[in-house]
Amino acid sequence: MADRYLRLAGTAPGRFLTRRVGLPQPAALMRWTAERPSLDGAVVRVVAGEVVAERVGPAEPVDPPVEPYAAVVLDATGIAEVGGLRAVRTSLGPLVRGLARCGRVVVLGAGAGGGAEAGAGPGGRDAAGAGAGDVEQAAVQEALAGFVRSLGKEIGGGRTVQLVRVAPGAALDSTLDFLLSPKSAYVSGQVIEVGPALRQPEVSGRRRTALVTGAARGIGESVAATLAREGAHVACLDVPGSGDALTAVAARLDGTALPLDITASDAGERIAAALDRLGGGLDVLVHNAGITRDRRFTHMDEDRWDAVLDVNLGSVLRTTGYLLKAGVLNDHGRIVATASIAGIAGNAGQTNYAASKAGIIGFVRSLAADPALRERGVTVNAVAPGFIETEMTAAVPFLIREAGRRLNSLGQGGRPVDVAETVAWLAATGSGGVNGQVVRVCGQSLLGA
């Protein structure tokens, strides 16, 4: 559904009016296209006051960097004292003022076992003074999270701000490639932990196989299309009633249609059989299928409660358990589940839905810690969408819909492709250091912030 307010705010009269009245001023976001796959301008990297200029795209690096900058990356992993936080202001402040619209700010903090001993550069303490038990270091590193979330709420212009906590030996390239690109347009205010790759994948020319549930429309369709764009053969699963829509999506993506009720008692067995016919096992498992049956708790009937919990959570647990036990998921496999900001912040009238999505978060964090999966290089993560423009949200009453669109730092709703790009990053072979994370795709929604 068209966002007329966003269009108005993009015109000169609209900017004048919204500024005078004090209304949100959302900027049209720059998203990935084949014609424009990267940000325009220099990526400025700052380590303890040292500035290094790099440029996105084929152009030669420019030194000194030229405004407006596409992105600024501040390495704050070596900050271990309260006084060190001064460098955040002095190093980042002038550069943020030169940031282009839809630009990116990424702050690198110390992850588990990190700190000055993790290679943070000059200005940090030695390992003996910045160990895991150092209270001051822990405090100032956590201070970065508050800084990042606050900057994300005030920076405006379609710009985003993230904190990436970097553990020693972290496999960081995939995460920075995502966050410093148009693909992360609707992800902001996030704190993401990145560690070493659980296990390095072997180089193989084999085409990866992905399974996406709820793939006939909306977010699931976009996820399937994005994974296909990245080279995967996608098995598109949805209820038999989706019929022609599911078949059309699979045909367009040169994938495989799998009409199946994910809550069926033999769903796991039937999925395994279908994947066996494709050959090669499963590399990416995306749990996207979900339903809502909203009603206030005191009027919530048993059918609404049970249906939502079974589709959104029970089916995820059963099918994942079966596929793992059956050995269908390959080494270096990726499991990405769909949570929601409702599972983080709660939402009136959605006790069943919020419970199911909070359960997904628990599922991800527990399974990600499984030693057997870690040994095999399997990662488990979740996306938590906020207000995404779909057929479902188009049916929401006008005032509630407008609140959902505006109550975030970017002042607008997201698109299914924003969730899909985030899933594709988590599902990438290079994302082996991202595990047990719940990444909100919500434009930094004020709910649960």
Protein backbone atom coordinates (compact mmCIF):
# COMPACT_ATOMS: atom_id res chain seq x y z
CA MET A 1 0.00 0.00 0.00
CA ALA A 2 1.34 3.44 -0.96
CA ASP A 3 2.68 5.64 1.83
CA ARG A 4 1.32 9.02 0.76
CA TYR A 5 2.84 10.80 3.74
CA LEU A 6 6.32 9.57 2.78
CA ARG A 7 5.80 10.94 -0.73
CA LEU A 8 4.60 14.28 0.63
CA ALA A 9 7.58 14.57 2.98
CA GLY A 10 9.87 14.08 0.00
CA THR A 11 8.65 17.23 -1.75
CA ALA A 12 9.84 20.77 -1.04
CA PRO A 13 6.41 21.95 0.19
CA GLY A 14 6.08 18.78 2.26
CA ARG A 15 9.46 19.26 3.90
CA PHE A 16 8.57 22.84 4.75
CA LEU A 17 5.17 21.88 6.18
CA THR A 18 6.38 18.92 8.24
CA ARG A 19 9.27 20.96 9.63
CA ARG A 20 7.00 23.82 10.67
CA VAL A 21 4.46 21.53 12.32
CA GLY A 22 7.05 19.28 13.92
CA LEU A 23 5.92 16.10 12.15
CA PRO A 24 8.25 13.20 11.25
CA GLN A 25 10.37 13.79 8.17
CA PRO A 26 11.09 10.35 6.70
CA ALA A 27 13.55 10.06 3.84
CA ALA A 28 13.12 7.71 0.91
CA LEU A 29 15.48 4.83 1.68
CA MET A 30 18.16 3.65 -0.70
CA ARG A 31 17.70 -0.07 -1.22
CA TRP A 32 19.77 -2.59 -3.17
CA THR A 33 19.24 -2.89 -6.92
CA ALA A 34 21.34 -4.60 -9.55
CA GLU A 35 21.96 -1.18 -11.08
CA ARG A 36 22.98 0.39 -7.76
CA PRO A 37 24.37 -2.37 -5.54
CA SER A 38 26.49 -0.23 -3.24
CA LEU A 39 26.51 3.07 -1.39
CA ASP A 40 28.01 6.10 -3.09
CA GLY A 41 31.01 7.76 -1.52
CA ALA A 42 33.86 7.09 0.88
CA VAL A 43 33.76 4.70 3.80
CA VAL A 44 35.75 6.45 6.50
CA ARG A 45 37.35 4.19 9.08
CA VAL A 46 38.49 5.67 12.37
CA VAL A 47 40.78 3.92 14.87
CA ALA A 48 41.80 6.02 17.87
CA GLY A 49 41.75 9.22 15.83
CA GLU A 50 43.51 7.76 12.78
CA VAL A 51 41.39 8.24 9.64
CA VAL A 52 41.69 5.92 6.65
CA ALA A 53 39.60 6.58 3.54
CA GLU A 54 38.13 3.84 1.43
CA ARG A 55 35.59 4.10 -1.34
CA VAL A 56 32.66 1.84 -2.05
CA GLY A 57 32.65 0.64 -5.63
CA PRO A 58 35.28 0.69 -8.38
CA ALA A 59 36.59 4.24 -7.78
CA GLU A 60 40.09 4.72 -6.41
CA PRO A 61 40.46 5.55 -2.70
CA VAL A 62 40.55 9.25 -1.91
CA ASP A 63 42.78 10.72 0.81
CA PRO A 64 41.61 12.85 2.46
CA PRO A 65 38.05 11.53 2.11
CA VAL A 66 35.54 13.76 0.38
CA GLU A 67 32.14 14.63 1.84
CA PRO A 68 29.46 13.47 1.85
CA TYR A 69 30.64 10.14 3.20
CA ALA A 70 28.78 6.92 2.47
CA ALA A 71 29.64 5.46 5.87
CA VAL A 72 31.74 5.88 8.97
CA VAL A 73 33.20 2.93 10.88
CA LEU A 74 34.54 3.69 14.36
CA ASP A 75 36.74 1.06 15.99
CA ALA A 76 36.04 1.43 19.71
CA THR A 77 37.14 -2.07 20.70
CA GLY A 78 40.11 -0.68 22.61
CA ILE A 79 38.12 1.63 24.88
CA ALA A 80 38.51 0.34 28.43
CA GLU A 81 38.11 3.49 30.56
CA VAL A 82 35.42 6.13 30.95
CA GLY A 83 37.86 8.73 29.66
CA GLY A 84 38.23 6.73 26.47
CA LEU A 85 34.61 7.43 25.57
CA ARG A 86 35.72 10.97 24.78
CA ALA A 87 37.22 9.59 21.57
CA VAL A 88 33.74 8.56 20.43
CA ARG A 89 32.64 12.19 20.45
CA THR A 90 35.83 13.74 19.13
CA SER A 91 36.42 11.18 16.37
CA LEU A 92 32.87 10.55 15.26
CA GLY A 93 31.20 13.93 15.72
CA PRO A 94 32.74 15.80 12.78
CA LEU A 95 32.40 12.81 10.48
CA VAL A 96 28.71 12.25 11.23
CA ARG A 97 28.03 15.83 10.15
CA GLY A 98 29.48 14.94 6.76
CA LEU A 99 27.45 11.75 6.32
CA ALA A 100 25.30 11.43 3.19
CA ARG A 101 21.57 10.82 3.33
CA CYS A 102 20.95 7.09 3.82
CA GLY A 103 24.52 6.80 5.09
CA ARG A 104 25.76 4.29 7.63
CA VAL A 105 27.48 4.51 11.00
CA VAL A 106 28.97 1.30 12.40
CA VAL A 107 30.67 1.29 15.80
CA LEU A 108 32.90 -1.69 16.56
CA GLY A 109 32.92 -2.69 20.22
CA ALA A 110 34.68 -5.46 22.12
CA GLY A 111 32.91 -8.80 22.09
CA ALA A 112 33.39 -11.77 24.40
CA GLY A 113 37.07 -12.00 25.27
CA GLY A 114 37.68 -8.76 23.37
CA GLY A 115 39.09 -5.43 24.39
CA ALA A 116 42.53 -3.97 23.86
CA GLU A 117 44.04 -7.45 23.73
CA ALA A 118 41.82 -8.24 20.75
CA GLY A 119 43.86 -5.97 18.53
CA ALA A 120 42.03 -2.71 19.11
CA GLY A 121 44.96 -0.49 18.24
CA PRO A 122 46.64 2.34 20.11
CA GLY A 123 45.16 3.87 23.22
CA GLY A 124 43.89 0.67 24.88
CA ARG A 125 45.22 -1.17 27.90
CA ASP A 126 47.19 -4.37 27.73
CA ALA A 127 45.56 -7.75 28.25
CA ALA A 128 46.31 -7.78 31.98
CA GLY A 129 44.39 -4.54 32.47
CA ALA A 130 41.41 -5.28 30.24
CA GLY A 131 40.39 -8.84 30.97
CA ALA A 132 36.90 -10.27 31.06
CA GLY A 133 36.58 -9.33 34.72
CA ASP A 134 37.40 -5.66 34.23
CA VAL A 135 34.30 -3.84 35.49
CA GLU A 136 35.20 -0.47 34.00
CA GLN A 137 35.84 -1.93 30.57
CA ALA A 138 32.52 -3.79 30.68
CA ALA A 139 30.75 -0.59 31.68
CA VAL A 140 32.21 1.58 28.93
CA GLN A 141 31.69 -1.09 26.28
CA GLU A 142 28.02 -1.33 27.30
CA ALA A 143 27.87 2.47 27.16
CA LEU A 144 28.46 2.16 23.41
CA ALA A 145 25.09 0.43 23.09
CA GLY A 146 23.27 3.35 24.67
CA PHE A 147 25.20 5.76 22.49
CA VAL A 148 24.40 3.88 19.28
CA ARG A 149 20.69 3.53 20.03
CA SER A 150 20.41 7.22 20.86
CA LEU A 151 22.36 8.38 17.81
CA GLY A 152 20.12 6.20 15.65
CA LYS A 153 17.08 8.07 16.94
CA GLU A 154 18.43 11.52 16.21
CA ILE A 155 20.55 11.15 13.08
CA GLY A 156 17.67 11.32 10.54
CA GLY A 157 17.88 11.42 6.76
CA GLY A 158 17.45 7.68 6.30
CA ARG A 159 20.79 7.07 8.02
CA THR A 160 21.35 4.01 10.22
CA VAL A 161 23.58 3.30 13.22
CA GLN A 162 24.73 -0.09 14.54
CA LEU A 163 27.04 -1.54 17.18
CA VAL A 164 28.97 -4.66 16.23
CA ARG A 165 30.66 -6.43 19.13
CA VAL A 166 33.76 -8.12 17.78
CA ALA A 167 35.26 -11.14 19.47
CA PRO A 168 38.91 -12.08 18.84
CA GLY A 169 39.27 -13.70 15.43
CA ALA A 170 35.77 -12.63 14.38
CA ALA A 171 34.62 -13.45 10.85
CA LEU A 172 33.52 -9.87 10.24
CA ASP A 173 33.50 -9.38 6.47
CA SER A 174 30.00 -10.66 5.77
CA THR A 175 28.47 -8.52 8.52
CA LEU A 176 30.24 -5.33 7.44
CA ASP A 177 29.37 -5.99 3.80
CA PHE A 178 25.70 -6.13 4.81
CA LEU A 179 25.65 -3.19 7.21
CA LEU A 180 27.63 -0.93 4.86
CA SER A 181 25.36 -1.60 1.89
CA PRO A 182 21.86 -0.62 0.72
CA LYS A 183 20.69 -4.07 1.79
CA SER A 184 20.50 -2.95 5.44
CA ALA A 185 18.23 0.03 4.72
CA TYR A 186 15.65 -0.78 7.43
CA VAL A 187 18.01 -2.14 10.09
CA SER A 188 19.10 0.41 12.69
CA GLY A 189 19.96 0.67 16.37
CA GLN A 190 21.07 -2.95 16.53
CA VAL A 191 23.72 -4.59 18.71
CA ILE A 192 25.16 -7.58 16.88
CA GLU A 193 27.68 -10.05 18.28
CA VAL A 194 30.18 -11.51 15.82
CA GLY A 195 32.67 -14.23 16.71
CA PRO A 196 35.01 -16.51 14.80
CA ALA A 197 33.42 -18.72 12.17
CA LEU A 198 32.29 -21.87 13.95
CA ARG A 199 33.97 -23.92 11.27
CA GLN A 200 35.39 -22.86 7.94
CA PRO A 201 33.30 -24.16 5.02
CA GLU A 202 35.02 -26.07 2.28
CA VAL A 203 35.08 -24.44 -1.13
CA SER A 204 32.48 -26.14 -3.30
CA GLY A 205 30.86 -25.38 -6.61
CA ARG A 206 27.65 -27.12 -5.53
CA ARG A 207 24.53 -25.00 -5.63
CA ARG A 208 23.06 -24.52 -2.16
CA THR A 209 19.53 -25.65 -1.36
CA ALA A 210 17.23 -23.50 0.77
CA LEU A 211 13.80 -24.22 2.22
CA VAL A 212 11.51 -21.26 2.91
CA THR A 213 8.19 -21.80 4.66
CA GLY A 214 5.28 -19.46 4.03
CA ALA A 215 6.80 -18.66 0.64
CA ALA A 216 3.67 -18.03 -1.44
CA ARG A 217 3.40 -14.33 -0.66
CA GLY A 218 4.62 -11.40 1.40
CA ILE A 219 7.85 -11.71 3.34
CA GLY A 220 8.28 -15.40 2.51
CA GLU A 221 8.05 -14.77 -1.22
CA SER A 222 10.63 -12.00 -0.94
CA VAL A 223 12.96 -14.21 1.12
CA ALA A 224 12.71 -16.97 -1.49
CA ALA A 225 13.43 -14.51 -4.31
CA THR A 226 16.43 -13.02 -2.52
CA LEU A 227 17.97 -16.40 -1.73
CA ALA A 228 17.44 -17.41 -5.37
CA ARG A 229 19.15 -14.20 -6.44
CA GLU A 230 22.09 -15.25 -4.26
CA GLY A 231 22.31 -18.53 -6.15
CA ALA A 232 20.31 -21.00 -4.06
CA HIS A 233 17.80 -23.53 -5.33
CA VAL A 234 14.76 -22.68 -3.24
CA ALA A 235 12.13 -25.16 -2.10
CA CYS A 236 9.06 -22.97 -1.56
CA LEU A 237 6.69 -24.35 1.08
CA ASP A 238 3.20 -23.13 1.87
CA VAL A 239 -0.22 -24.51 2.69
CA PRO A 240 -1.96 -26.48 -0.09
CA GLY A 241 -4.59 -23.75 -0.22
CA SER A 242 -2.01 -21.31 -1.58
CA GLY A 243 -2.26 -23.30 -4.81
CA ASP A 244 -1.44 -21.27 -7.89
CA ALA A 245 0.42 -18.55 -5.97
CA LEU A 246 2.96 -21.03 -4.60
CA THR A 247 3.44 -22.69 -7.97
CA ALA A 248 3.94 -19.33 -9.66
CA VAL A 249 6.58 -18.22 -7.14
CA ALA A 250 8.53 -21.47 -7.47
CA ALA A 251 8.36 -21.34 -11.27
CA ARG A 252 9.54 -17.73 -11.41
CA LEU A 253 12.53 -18.58 -9.20
CA ASP A 254 13.33 -21.86 -10.96
CA GLY A 255 12.69 -23.49 -7.61
CA THR A 256 10.50 -26.27 -6.27
CA ALA A 257 6.94 -25.88 -4.97
CA LEU A 258 6.15 -27.85 -1.83
CA PRO A 259 2.46 -27.53 -0.90
CA LEU A 260 2.29 -28.75 2.67
CA ASP A 261 0.65 -27.91 5.98
CA ILE A 262 3.63 -27.24 8.23
CA THR A 263 1.61 -28.30 11.29
CA ALA A 264 0.93 -31.80 9.92
CA SER A 265 2.28 -34.55 12.11
CA ASP A 266 4.36 -35.92 9.23
CA ALA A 267 5.53 -32.52 7.91
CA GLY A 268 9.17 -33.14 8.77
CA GLU A 269 9.15 -36.54 7.10
CA ARG A 270 7.55 -35.17 3.94
CA ILE A 271 9.98 -32.25 3.77
CA ALA A 272 12.91 -34.64 4.14
CA ALA A 273 11.56 -36.82 1.34
CA ALA A 274 11.14 -33.82 -0.97
CA LEU A 275 14.68 -32.63 -0.25
CA ASP A 276 15.99 -36.14 -0.84
CA ARG A 277 14.49 -36.02 -4.32
CA LEU A 278 16.36 -32.77 -4.97
CA GLY A 279 19.61 -34.33 -3.75
CA GLY A 280 22.46 -32.73 -1.85
CA GLY A 281 20.71 -32.17 1.48
CA LEU A 282 19.62 -28.83 2.93
CA ASP A 283 21.88 -25.81 3.41
CA VAL A 284 19.47 -23.07 4.51
CA LEU A 285 16.30 -23.52 6.57
CA VAL A 286 14.13 -20.42 6.86
CA HIS A 287 11.13 -20.60 9.18
CA ASN A 288 8.83 -17.84 7.95
CA ALA A 289 5.33 -19.35 8.06
CA GLY A 290 3.17 -17.67 10.64
CA ILE A 291 -0.38 -16.57 11.45
CA THR A 292 -2.17 -14.09 13.71
CA ARG A 293 -5.46 -14.62 15.50
CA ASP A 294 -5.70 -11.45 17.56
CA ARG A 295 -8.01 -10.94 20.52
CA ARG A 296 -7.58 -9.54 23.99
CA PHE A 297 -6.53 -12.20 26.49
CA THR A 298 -9.76 -12.21 28.51
CA HIS A 299 -11.65 -13.03 25.29
CA MET A 300 -9.05 -15.35 23.79
CA ASP A 301 -10.63 -18.68 22.90
CA GLU A 302 -8.78 -21.98 22.84
CA ASP A 303 -8.77 -22.32 19.06
CA ARG A 304 -7.09 -18.94 18.51
CA TRP A 305 -4.52 -19.61 21.20
CA ASP A 306 -3.65 -23.11 20.02
CA ALA A 307 -3.54 -22.31 16.29
CA VAL A 308 -1.06 -19.45 16.66
CA LEU A 309 1.22 -21.33 19.06
CA ASP A 310 1.17 -24.44 16.87
CA VAL A 311 1.93 -22.71 13.56
CA ASN A 312 4.37 -20.10 14.80
CA LEU A 313 6.28 -22.12 17.37
CA GLY A 314 5.27 -25.77 17.61
CA SER A 315 5.83 -26.48 13.90
CA VAL A 316 9.25 -24.81 14.04
CA LEU A 317 10.35 -27.00 16.92
CA ARG A 318 8.98 -30.21 15.39
CA THR A 319 10.28 -29.77 11.84
CA THR A 320 13.69 -28.51 12.90
CA GLY A 321 14.05 -31.39 15.34
CA TYR A 322 13.10 -33.94 12.71
CA LEU A 323 15.38 -32.51 10.00
CA LEU A 324 18.34 -32.39 12.38
CA LYS A 325 17.75 -35.89 13.68
CA ALA A 326 17.37 -37.20 10.13
CA GLY A 327 20.67 -35.62 9.11
CA VAL A 328 19.05 -33.54 6.37
CA LEU A 329 20.77 -30.26 7.29
CA ASN A 330 24.29 -30.13 5.90
CA ASP A 331 27.43 -29.06 7.74
CA HIS A 332 27.75 -25.25 7.70
CA GLY A 333 23.98 -25.11 7.45
CA ARG A 334 22.04 -21.98 8.33
CA ILE A 335 18.79 -21.88 10.31
CA VAL A 336 16.97 -18.55 10.29
CA ALA A 337 13.67 -18.18 12.13
CA THR A 338 11.19 -15.31 12.10
CA ALA A 339 10.47 -13.68 15.44
CA SER A 340 8.80 -10.28 15.82
CA ILE A 341 9.14 -7.10 17.84
CA ALA A 342 5.85 -8.24 19.42
CA GLY A 343 7.83 -11.08 20.98
CA ILE A 344 10.30 -8.55 22.39
CA ALA A 345 8.00 -5.70 23.45
CA GLY A 346 4.60 -7.38 23.66
CA ASN A 347 1.48 -6.03 22.00
CA ALA A 348 -2.08 -5.59 23.24
CA GLY A 349 -4.42 -8.13 21.71
CA GLN A 350 -1.55 -10.42 20.72
CA THR A 351 -0.73 -12.45 23.80
CA ASN A 352 -0.77 -15.64 21.73
CA TYR A 353 1.32 -14.17 18.90
CA ALA A 354 3.81 -12.48 21.24
CA ALA A 355 4.21 -15.70 23.21
CA SER A 356 4.92 -17.65 20.03
CA LYS A 357 7.49 -15.14 18.78
CA ALA A 358 9.21 -14.85 22.15
CA GLY A 359 9.37 -18.65 22.04
CA ILE A 360 11.22 -18.38 18.72
CA ILE A 361 13.84 -16.22 20.42
CA GLY A 362 14.28 -18.85 23.11
CA PHE A 363 14.51 -21.56 20.44
CA VAL A 364 17.25 -19.67 18.60
CA ARG A 365 19.36 -18.90 21.63
CA SER A 366 19.16 -22.45 22.95
CA LEU A 367 19.78 -24.24 19.66
CA ALA A 368 22.63 -21.89 18.73
CA ALA A 369 24.49 -23.05 21.83
CA ASP A 370 24.19 -26.76 20.95
CA PRO A 371 27.78 -28.10 20.94
CA ALA A 372 27.03 -30.65 18.23
CA LEU A 373 25.71 -28.01 15.84
CA ARG A 374 28.57 -25.64 16.63
CA GLU A 375 31.04 -28.41 15.87
CA ARG A 376 29.38 -28.83 12.46
CA GLY A 377 29.49 -25.11 11.74
CA VAL A 378 25.68 -24.74 11.83
CA THR A 379 24.40 -21.30 12.87
CA VAL A 380 20.96 -20.43 14.24
CA ASN A 381 19.64 -16.86 14.15
CA ALA A 382 16.38 -14.93 13.93
CA VAL A 383 15.00 -11.82 12.32
CA ALA A 384 12.42 -9.78 14.23
CA PRO A 385 10.39 -7.66 11.79
CA GLY A 386 8.58 -4.53 12.88
CA PHE A 387 5.93 -2.79 10.78
CA ILE A 388 6.38 -4.23 7.28
CA GLU A 389 4.18 -3.12 4.37
CA THR A 390 2.27 -6.26 3.38
CA GLU A 391 -1.29 -7.21 2.48
CA MET A 392 -1.88 -7.91 6.16
CA THR A 393 -0.76 -4.47 7.37
CA ALA A 394 -2.68 -2.79 4.56
CA ALA A 395 -5.86 -4.06 6.22
CA VAL A 396 -4.96 -2.48 9.57
CA PRO A 397 -7.12 0.54 10.51
CA PHE A 398 -5.68 3.83 9.25
CA LEU A 399 -4.61 5.39 12.56
CA ILE A 400 -2.98 2.20 13.83
CA ARG A 401 -1.25 1.75 10.50
CA GLU A 402 0.12 5.30 10.56
CA ALA A 403 1.36 4.83 14.12
CA GLY A 404 3.17 1.65 13.07
CA ARG A 405 4.80 3.48 10.19
CA ARG A 406 5.93 6.56 12.09
CA LEU A 407 6.95 5.20 15.50
CA ASN A 408 10.46 4.30 14.47
CA SER A 409 13.66 6.18 13.79
CA LEU A 410 13.21 6.04 10.01
CA GLY A 411 9.61 7.27 10.16
CA GLN A 412 8.17 4.71 7.74
CA GLY A 413 7.21 1.09 7.32
CA GLY A 414 9.64 -1.45 5.98
CA ARG A 415 9.26 -3.65 2.93
CA PRO A 416 9.37 -7.44 2.70
CA VAL A 417 12.70 -7.15 0.90
CA ASP A 418 14.22 -5.53 4.01
CA VAL A 419 13.53 -8.71 5.97
CA ALA A 420 14.66 -10.83 3.05
CA GLU A 421 18.04 -9.08 2.73
CA THR A 422 18.65 -9.60 6.44
CA VAL A 423 17.79 -13.28 6.15
CA ALA A 424 20.14 -13.60 3.17
CA TRP A 425 22.99 -12.10 5.20
CA LEU A 426 22.39 -14.51 8.10
CA ALA A 427 22.13 -17.40 5.62
CA ALA A 428 25.34 -16.57 3.75
CA THR A 429 28.28 -18.96 3.87
CA GLY A 430 30.45 -16.08 5.10
CA SER A 431 28.23 -15.46 8.15
CA GLY A 432 29.63 -18.33 10.18
CA GLY A 433 30.60 -15.93 12.98
CA VAL A 434 27.01 -14.72 13.50
CA ASN A 435 25.21 -17.16 15.77
CA GLY A 436 22.40 -16.91 18.32
CA GLN A 437 21.50 -13.38 17.22
CA VAL A 438 18.03 -11.80 17.00
CA VAL A 439 18.22 -8.92 14.55
CA ARG A 440 15.33 -6.48 14.49
CA VAL A 441 14.26 -5.30 11.04
CA CYS A 442 12.08 -2.48 12.26
CA GLY A 443 13.71 0.84 11.45
CA GLN A 444 14.55 1.02 15.19
CA SER A 445 10.97 0.86 16.32
CA LEU A 446 10.19 2.66 19.55
CA LEU A 447 8.43 -0.52 20.73
CA GLY A 448 10.76 -2.45 22.97
CA ALA A 449 13.63 -0.07 22.20
